[in-house]
Every structure is written in C-alpha cells, then in structure tokens.
Amino acid sequence: MKNELNELLAQSPFIPFDLVMNSGDRYEVRTASMAVIAKDLLHIFRPKSDRRDVLRLTEISSLEVLEPA
C-alpha cells in the first residue's frame, strides 16, 4: 500500500483519490500536499483547517482514483 500511495502522490499532474479504511471510513485526498507518509502512518491534512487525521497504512483497504474533471 505504501508504494501505491507514493506513486499516487508523486503523479504529475496529480489525480485526486479516496482512501477506504477497513472500518469503512473514507478520506479524500484532493491535492498531493494534503497527505504525508511517515513510516507506517499516513497524515491527511484537512483543507482550510488546522486539523489532520493520522491513519495506519495497514488499515487502508483500498484506494479509489477519481476520474479527472
């Protein structure tokens, strides 16, 4: 999963994607600057906010790439 995330975040032009967790929760990644991988964690920074979500890479069940607009 880590390699797939690195590839998605490095794409140029960037293509937005959603993360689906084992719990069924979903997280939107709309720009590459919203997400940072650190060891076995993924930090997702929320736009227009000081908040972030910290996710374990092992708890991500799938990545859903969105169609370009």
PDB file of N, CA and C in Angstrom:
ATOM      1  N   MET A   1       0.825  -1.198   0.000  1.00  0.00           N
ATOM      2  CA  MET A   1       0.000   0.000   0.000  1.00  0.00           C
ATOM      3  C   MET A   1       0.869   1.263   0.000  1.00  0.00           C
ATOM      4  N   LYS A   2       1.986   1.195   0.720  1.00  0.00           N
ATOM      5  CA  LYS A   2       2.860   2.366   0.806  1.00  0.00           C
ATOM      6  C   LYS A   2       3.394   2.760  -0.569  1.00  0.00           C
ATOM      7  N   ASN A   3       3.801   1.767  -1.359  1.00  0.00           N
ATOM      8  CA  ASN A   3       4.314   2.055  -2.703  1.00  0.00           C
ATOM      9  C   ASN A   3       3.232   2.664  -3.589  1.00  0.00           C
ATOM     10  N   GLU A   4       2.020   2.126  -3.513  1.00  0.00           N
ATOM     11  CA  GLU A   4       0.905   2.669  -4.304  1.00  0.00           C
ATOM     12  C   GLU A   4       0.624   4.122  -3.923  1.00  0.00           C
ATOM     13  N   LEU A   5       0.633   4.403  -2.629  1.00  0.00           N
ATOM     14  CA  LEU A   5       0.395   5.773  -2.171  1.00  0.00           C
ATOM     15  C   LEU A   5       1.491   6.712  -2.659  1.00  0.00           C
ATOM     16  N   ASN A   6       2.736   6.280  -2.553  1.00  0.00           N
ATOM     17  CA  ASN A   6       3.851   7.105  -3.040  1.00  0.00           C
ATOM     18  C   ASN A   6       3.688   7.424  -4.517  1.00  0.00           C
ATOM     19  N   GLU A   7       3.301   6.422  -5.299  1.00  0.00           N
ATOM     20  CA  GLU A   7       3.111   6.636  -6.738  1.00  0.00           C
ATOM     21  C   GLU A   7       1.984   7.625  -7.006  1.00  0.00           C
ATOM     22  N   LEU A   8       0.862   7.462  -6.303  1.00  0.00           N
ATOM     23  CA  LEU A   8      -0.267   8.386  -6.498  1.00  0.00           C
ATOM     24  C   LEU A   8       0.100   9.811  -6.113  1.00  0.00           C
ATOM     25  N   LEU A   9       0.817   9.972  -5.008  1.00  0.00           N
ATOM     26  CA  LEU A   9       1.177  11.314  -4.536  1.00  0.00           C
ATOM     27  C   LEU A   9       2.221  11.980  -5.425  1.00  0.00           C
ATOM     28  N   ALA A  10       3.015  11.186  -6.135  1.00  0.00           N
ATOM     29  CA  ALA A  10       4.070  11.739  -6.980  1.00  0.00           C
ATOM     30  C   ALA A  10       3.623  12.017  -8.411  1.00  0.00           C
ATOM     31  N   GLN A  11       2.431  11.583  -8.789  1.00  0.00           N
ATOM     32  CA  GLN A  11       1.964  11.763 -10.168  1.00  0.00           C
ATOM     33  C   GLN A  11       1.914  13.231 -10.568  1.00  0.00           C
ATOM     34  N   SER A  12       2.255  13.459 -11.809  1.00  0.00           N
ATOM     35  CA  SER A  12       2.138  14.810 -12.353  1.00  0.00           C
ATOM     36  C   SER A  12       1.514  14.691 -13.737  1.00  0.00           C
ATOM     37  N   PRO A  13       0.344  15.257 -13.938  1.00  0.00           N
ATOM     38  CA  PRO A  13      -0.434  16.013 -12.958  1.00  0.00           C
ATOM     39  C   PRO A  13      -1.055  15.084 -11.902  1.00  0.00           C
ATOM     40  N   PHE A  14      -1.303  15.656 -10.747  1.00  0.00           N
ATOM     41  CA  PHE A  14      -1.890  14.906  -9.640  1.00  0.00           C
ATOM     42  C   PHE A  14      -3.331  14.534  -9.956  1.00  0.00           C
ATOM     43  N   ILE A  15      -3.692  13.289  -9.626  1.00  0.00           N
ATOM     44  CA  ILE A  15      -5.068  12.824  -9.804  1.00  0.00           C
ATOM     45  C   ILE A  15      -5.637  12.531  -8.415  1.00  0.00           C
ATOM     46  N   PRO A  16      -6.718  13.208  -8.026  1.00  0.00           N
ATOM     47  CA  PRO A  16      -7.305  13.006  -6.696  1.00  0.00           C
ATOM     48  C   PRO A  16      -7.750  11.553  -6.489  1.00  0.00           C
ATOM     49  N   PHE A  17      -7.754  11.146  -5.225  1.00  0.00           N
ATOM     50  CA  PHE A  17      -8.188   9.792  -4.888  1.00  0.00           C
ATOM     51  C   PHE A  17      -8.807   9.769  -3.503  1.00  0.00           C
ATOM     52  N   ASP A  18      -9.531   8.708  -3.234  1.00  0.00           N
ATOM     53  CA  ASP A  18     -10.123   8.467  -1.923  1.00  0.00           C
ATOM     54  C   ASP A  18      -9.446   7.258  -1.297  1.00  0.00           C
ATOM     55  N   LEU A  19      -9.297   7.312   0.010  1.00  0.00           N
ATOM     56  CA  LEU A  19      -8.813   6.168   0.782  1.00  0.00           C
ATOM     57  C   LEU A  19     -10.014   5.530   1.441  1.00  0.00           C
ATOM     58  N   VAL A  20     -10.106   4.218   1.392  1.00  0.00           N
ATOM     59  CA  VAL A  20     -11.167   3.498   2.086  1.00  0.00           C
ATOM     60  C   VAL A  20     -10.489   2.650   3.160  1.00  0.00           C
ATOM     61  N   MET A  21     -10.918   2.834   4.387  1.00  0.00           N
ATOM     62  CA  MET A  21     -10.325   2.135   5.512  1.00  0.00           C
ATOM     63  C   MET A  21     -11.053   0.817   5.761  1.00  0.00           C
ATOM     64  N   ASN A  22     -10.416  -0.074   6.507  1.00  0.00           N
ATOM     65  CA  ASN A  22     -11.046  -1.350   6.872  1.00  0.00           C
ATOM     66  C   ASN A  22     -12.369  -1.127   7.596  1.00  0.00           C
ATOM     67  N   SER A  23     -12.473  -0.022   8.326  1.00  0.00           N
ATOM     68  CA  SER A  23     -13.688   0.304   9.081  1.00  0.00           C
ATOM     69  C   SER A  23     -14.819   0.792   8.179  1.00  0.00           C
ATOM     70  N   GLY A  24     -14.487   1.126   6.917  1.00  0.00           N
ATOM     71  CA  GLY A  24     -15.476   1.684   6.011  1.00  0.00           C
ATOM     72  C   GLY A  24     -15.386   3.206   5.914  1.00  0.00           C
ATOM     73  N   ASP A  25     -14.614   3.831   6.805  1.00  0.00           N
ATOM     74  CA  ASP A  25     -14.413   5.280   6.733  1.00  0.00           C
ATOM     75  C   ASP A  25     -13.687   5.622   5.444  1.00  0.00           C
ATOM     76  N   ARG A  26     -13.988   6.825   4.914  1.00  0.00           N
ATOM     77  CA  ARG A  26     -13.373   7.294   3.676  1.00  0.00           C
ATOM     78  C   ARG A  26     -12.684   8.626   3.926  1.00  0.00           C
ATOM     79  N   TYR A  27     -11.559   8.818   3.262  1.00  0.00           N
ATOM     80  CA  TYR A  27     -10.808  10.064   3.362  1.00  0.00           C
ATOM     81  C   TYR A  27     -10.481  10.527   1.954  1.00  0.00           C
ATOM     82  N   GLU A  28     -10.732  11.802   1.699  1.00  0.00           N
ATOM     83  CA  GLU A  28     -10.473  12.386   0.384  1.00  0.00           C
ATOM     84  C   GLU A  28      -9.075  12.988   0.352  1.00  0.00           C
ATOM     85  N   VAL A  29      -8.349  12.711  -0.720  1.00  0.00           N
ATOM     86  CA  VAL A  29      -7.051  13.347  -0.955  1.00  0.00           C
ATOM     87  C   VAL A  29      -7.191  14.079  -2.282  1.00  0.00           C
ATOM     88  N   ARG A  30      -7.335  15.384  -2.216  1.00  0.00           N
ATOM     89  CA  ARG A  30      -7.610  16.181  -3.417  1.00  0.00           C
ATOM     90  C   ARG A  30      -6.382  16.868  -3.990  1.00  0.00           C
ATOM     91  N   THR A  31      -5.324  17.005  -3.170  1.00  0.00           N
ATOM     92  CA  THR A  31      -4.051  17.546  -3.641  1.00  0.00           C
ATOM     93  C   THR A  31      -2.936  16.744  -2.977  1.00  0.00           C
ATOM     94  N   ALA A  32      -1.789  16.685  -3.620  1.00  0.00           N
ATOM     95  CA  ALA A  32      -0.663  15.925  -3.064  1.00  0.00           C
ATOM     96  C   ALA A  32      -0.201  16.500  -1.731  1.00  0.00           C
ATOM     97  N   SER A  33      -0.374  17.792  -1.534  1.00  0.00           N
ATOM     98  CA  SER A  33       0.073  18.412  -0.289  1.00  0.00           C
ATOM     99  C   SER A  33      -0.819  18.073   0.904  1.00  0.00           C
ATOM    100  N   MET A  34      -1.936  17.423   0.665  1.00  0.00           N
ATOM    101  CA  MET A  34      -2.839  17.028   1.758  1.00  0.00           C
ATOM    102  C   MET A  34      -2.354  15.795   2.499  1.00  0.00           C
ATOM    103  N   ALA A  35      -1.436  15.025   1.932  1.00  0.00           N
ATOM    104  CA  ALA A  35      -1.057  13.741   2.522  1.00  0.00           C
ATOM    105  C   ALA A  35       0.457  13.611   2.628  1.00  0.00           C
ATOM    106  N   VAL A  36       0.893  13.081   3.767  1.00  0.00           N
ATOM    107  CA  VAL A  36       2.314  12.838   4.005  1.00  0.00           C
ATOM    108  C   VAL A  36       2.463  11.445   4.611  1.00  0.00           C
ATOM    109  N   ILE A  37       3.361  10.643   4.024  1.00  0.00           N
ATOM    110  CA  ILE A  37       3.624   9.305   4.546  1.00  0.00           C
ATOM    111  C   ILE A  37       4.821   9.377   5.486  1.00  0.00           C
ATOM    112  N   ALA A  38       4.663   8.799   6.672  1.00  0.00           N
ATOM    113  CA  ALA A  38       5.736   8.746   7.658  1.00  0.00           C
ATOM    114  C   ALA A  38       5.777   7.335   8.236  1.00  0.00           C
ATOM    115  N   LYS A  39       6.776   6.568   7.840  1.00  0.00           N
ATOM    116  CA  LYS A  39       6.921   5.162   8.245  1.00  0.00           C
ATOM    117  C   LYS A  39       5.663   4.378   7.932  1.00  0.00           C
ATOM    118  N   ASP A  40       4.923   3.958   8.950  1.00  0.00           N
ATOM    119  CA  ASP A  40       3.719   3.152   8.705  1.00  0.00           C
ATOM    120  C   ASP A  40       2.437   3.948   8.916  1.00  0.00           C
ATOM    121  N   LEU A  41       2.559   5.282   8.870  1.00  0.00           N
ATOM    122  CA  LEU A  41       1.407   6.158   9.074  1.00  0.00           C
ATOM    123  C   LEU A  41       1.209   7.071   7.873  1.00  0.00           C
ATOM    124  N   LEU A  42      -0.019   7.482   7.685  1.00  0.00           N
ATOM    125  CA  LEU A  42      -0.354   8.474   6.666  1.00  0.00           C
ATOM    126  C   LEU A  42      -1.048   9.634   7.366  1.00  0.00           C
ATOM    127  N   HIS A  43      -0.495  10.821   7.189  1.00  0.00           N
ATOM    128  CA  HIS A  43      -1.092  12.028   7.759  1.00  0.00           C
ATOM    129  C   HIS A  43      -1.895  12.716   6.660  1.00  0.00           C
ATOM    130  N   ILE A  44      -3.174  12.958   6.927  1.00  0.00           N
ATOM    131  CA  ILE A  44      -4.036  13.656   5.970  1.00  0.00           C
ATOM    132  C   ILE A  44      -4.410  14.994   6.599  1.00  0.00           C
ATOM    133  N   PHE A  45      -4.003  16.080   5.952  1.00  0.00           N
ATOM    134  CA  PHE A  45      -4.285  17.414   6.441  1.00  0.00           C
ATOM    135  C   PHE A  45      -5.572  17.912   5.817  1.00  0.00           C
ATOM    136  N   ARG A  46      -6.456  18.410   6.649  1.00  0.00           N
ATOM    137  CA  ARG A  46      -7.761  18.874   6.158  1.00  0.00           C
ATOM    138  C   ARG A  46      -7.646  20.292   5.611  1.00  0.00           C
ATOM    139  N   PRO A  47      -8.231  20.538   4.450  1.00  0.00           N
ATOM    140  CA  PRO A  47      -8.156  21.881   3.859  1.00  0.00           C
ATOM    141  C   PRO A  47      -8.871  22.906   4.728  1.00  0.00           C
ATOM    142  N   LYS A  48      -8.306  24.099   4.755  1.00  0.00           N
ATOM    143  CA  LYS A  48      -8.890  25.236   5.486  1.00  0.00           C
ATOM    144  C   LYS A  48      -9.100  24.914   6.960  1.00  0.00           C
ATOM    145  N   SER A  49      -8.167  24.161   7.531  1.00  0.00           N
ATOM    146  CA  SER A  49      -8.292  23.739   8.924  1.00  0.00           C
ATOM    147  C   SER A  49      -6.904  23.438   9.470  1.00  0.00           C
ATOM    148  N   ASP A  50      -6.776  23.463  10.786  1.00  0.00           N
ATOM    149  CA  ASP A  50      -5.527  23.057  11.431  1.00  0.00           C
ATOM    150  C   ASP A  50      -5.571  21.584  11.804  1.00  0.00           C
ATOM    151  N   ARG A  51      -6.638  20.900  11.435  1.00  0.00           N
ATOM    152  CA  ARG A  51      -6.827  19.504  11.813  1.00  0.00           C
ATOM    153  C   ARG A  51      -6.169  18.562  10.811  1.00  0.00           C
ATOM    154  N   ARG A  52      -5.836  17.386  11.310  1.00  0.00           N
ATOM    155  CA  ARG A  52      -5.307  16.331  10.449  1.00  0.00           C
ATOM    156  C   ARG A  52      -5.766  14.993  11.000  1.00  0.00           C
ATOM    157  N   ASP A  53      -5.771  14.005  10.138  1.00  0.00           N
ATOM    158  CA  ASP A  53      -6.080  12.638  10.525  1.00  0.00           C
ATOM    159  C   ASP A  53      -4.803  11.828  10.364  1.00  0.00           C
ATOM    160  N   VAL A  54      -4.555  10.949  11.306  1.00  0.00           N
ATOM    161  CA  VAL A  54      -3.388  10.072  11.238  1.00  0.00           C
ATOM    162  C   VAL A  54      -3.906   8.643  11.092  1.00  0.00           C
ATOM    163  N   LEU A  55      -3.543   8.022   9.981  1.00  0.00           N
ATOM    164  CA  LEU A  55      -4.052   6.694   9.643  1.00  0.00           C
ATOM    165  C   LEU A  55      -2.914   5.685   9.574  1.00  0.00           C
ATOM    166  N   ARG A  56      -3.181   4.487  10.012  1.00  0.00           N
ATOM    167  CA  ARG A  56      -2.205   3.400   9.867  1.00  0.00           C
ATOM    168  C   ARG A  56      -2.320   2.832   8.448  1.00  0.00           C
ATOM    169  N   LEU A  57      -1.188   2.694   7.780  1.00  0.00           N
ATOM    170  CA  LEU A  57      -1.203   2.171   6.415  1.00  0.00           C
ATOM    171  C   LEU A  57      -1.810   0.770   6.359  1.00  0.00           C
ATOM    172  N   THR A  58      -1.630  -0.008   7.410  1.00  0.00           N
ATOM    173  CA  THR A  58      -2.153  -1.377   7.422  1.00  0.00           C
ATOM    174  C   THR A  58      -3.672  -1.419   7.526  1.00  0.00           C
ATOM    175  N   GLU A  59      -4.305  -0.288   7.847  1.00  0.00           N
ATOM    176  CA  GLU A  59      -5.759  -0.244   7.974  1.00  0.00           C
ATOM    177  C   GLU A  59      -6.458   0.305   6.736  1.00  0.00           C
ATOM    178  N   ILE A  60      -5.673   0.616   5.691  1.00  0.00           N
ATOM    179  CA  ILE A  60      -6.262   1.079   4.439  1.00  0.00           C
ATOM    180  C   ILE A  60      -6.646  -0.146   3.625  1.00  0.00           C
ATOM    181  N   SER A  61      -7.920  -0.243   3.259  1.00  0.00           N
ATOM    182  CA  SER A  61      -8.350  -1.421   2.487  1.00  0.00           C
ATOM    183  C   SER A  61      -8.262  -1.203   0.985  1.00  0.00           C
ATOM    184  N   SER A  62      -8.478   0.052   0.524  1.00  0.00           N
ATOM    185  CA  SER A  62      -8.378   0.300  -0.914  1.00  0.00           C
ATOM    186  C   SER A  62      -8.160   1.782  -1.201  1.00  0.00           C
ATOM    187  N   LEU A  63      -7.699   2.028  -2.421  1.00  0.00           N
ATOM    188  CA  LEU A  63      -7.522   3.379  -2.950  1.00  0.00           C
ATOM    189  C   LEU A  63      -8.418   3.493  -4.170  1.00  0.00           C
ATOM    190  N   GLU A  64      -9.198   4.552  -4.236  1.00  0.00           N
ATOM    191  CA  GLU A  64     -10.085   4.749  -5.380  1.00  0.00           C
ATOM    192  C   GLU A  64      -9.696   6.031  -6.088  1.00  0.00           C
ATOM    193  N   VAL A  65      -9.096   5.867  -7.250  1.00  0.00           N
ATOM    194  CA  VAL A  65      -8.666   7.017  -8.047  1.00  0.00           C
ATOM    195  C   VAL A  65      -9.884   7.615  -8.715  1.00  0.00           C
ATOM    196  N   LEU A  66     -10.004   8.941  -8.627  1.00  0.00           N
ATOM    197  CA  LEU A  66     -11.153   9.637  -9.215  1.00  0.00           C
ATOM    198  C   LEU A  66     -10.856  10.004 -10.658  1.00  0.00           C
ATOM    199  N   GLU A  67     -11.887  10.068 -11.437  1.00  0.00           N
ATOM    200  CA  GLU A  67     -11.725  10.478 -12.837  1.00  0.00           C
ATOM    201  C   GLU A  67     -11.378  11.946 -12.908  1.00  0.00           C
ATOM    202  N   PRO A  68     -10.406  12.312 -13.750  1.00  0.00           N
ATOM    203  CA  PRO A  68     -10.099  13.745 -13.902  1.00  0.00           C
ATOM    204  C   PRO A  68     -11.321  14.515 -14.397  1.00  0.00           C
ATOM    205  N   ALA A  69     -11.448  15.726 -13.905  1.00  0.00           N
ATOM    206  CA  ALA A  69     -12.615  16.552 -14.291  1.00  0.00           C
ATOM    207  C   ALA A  69     -12.472  17.076 -15.691  1.00  0.00           C
TER     208      ALA A  69
END
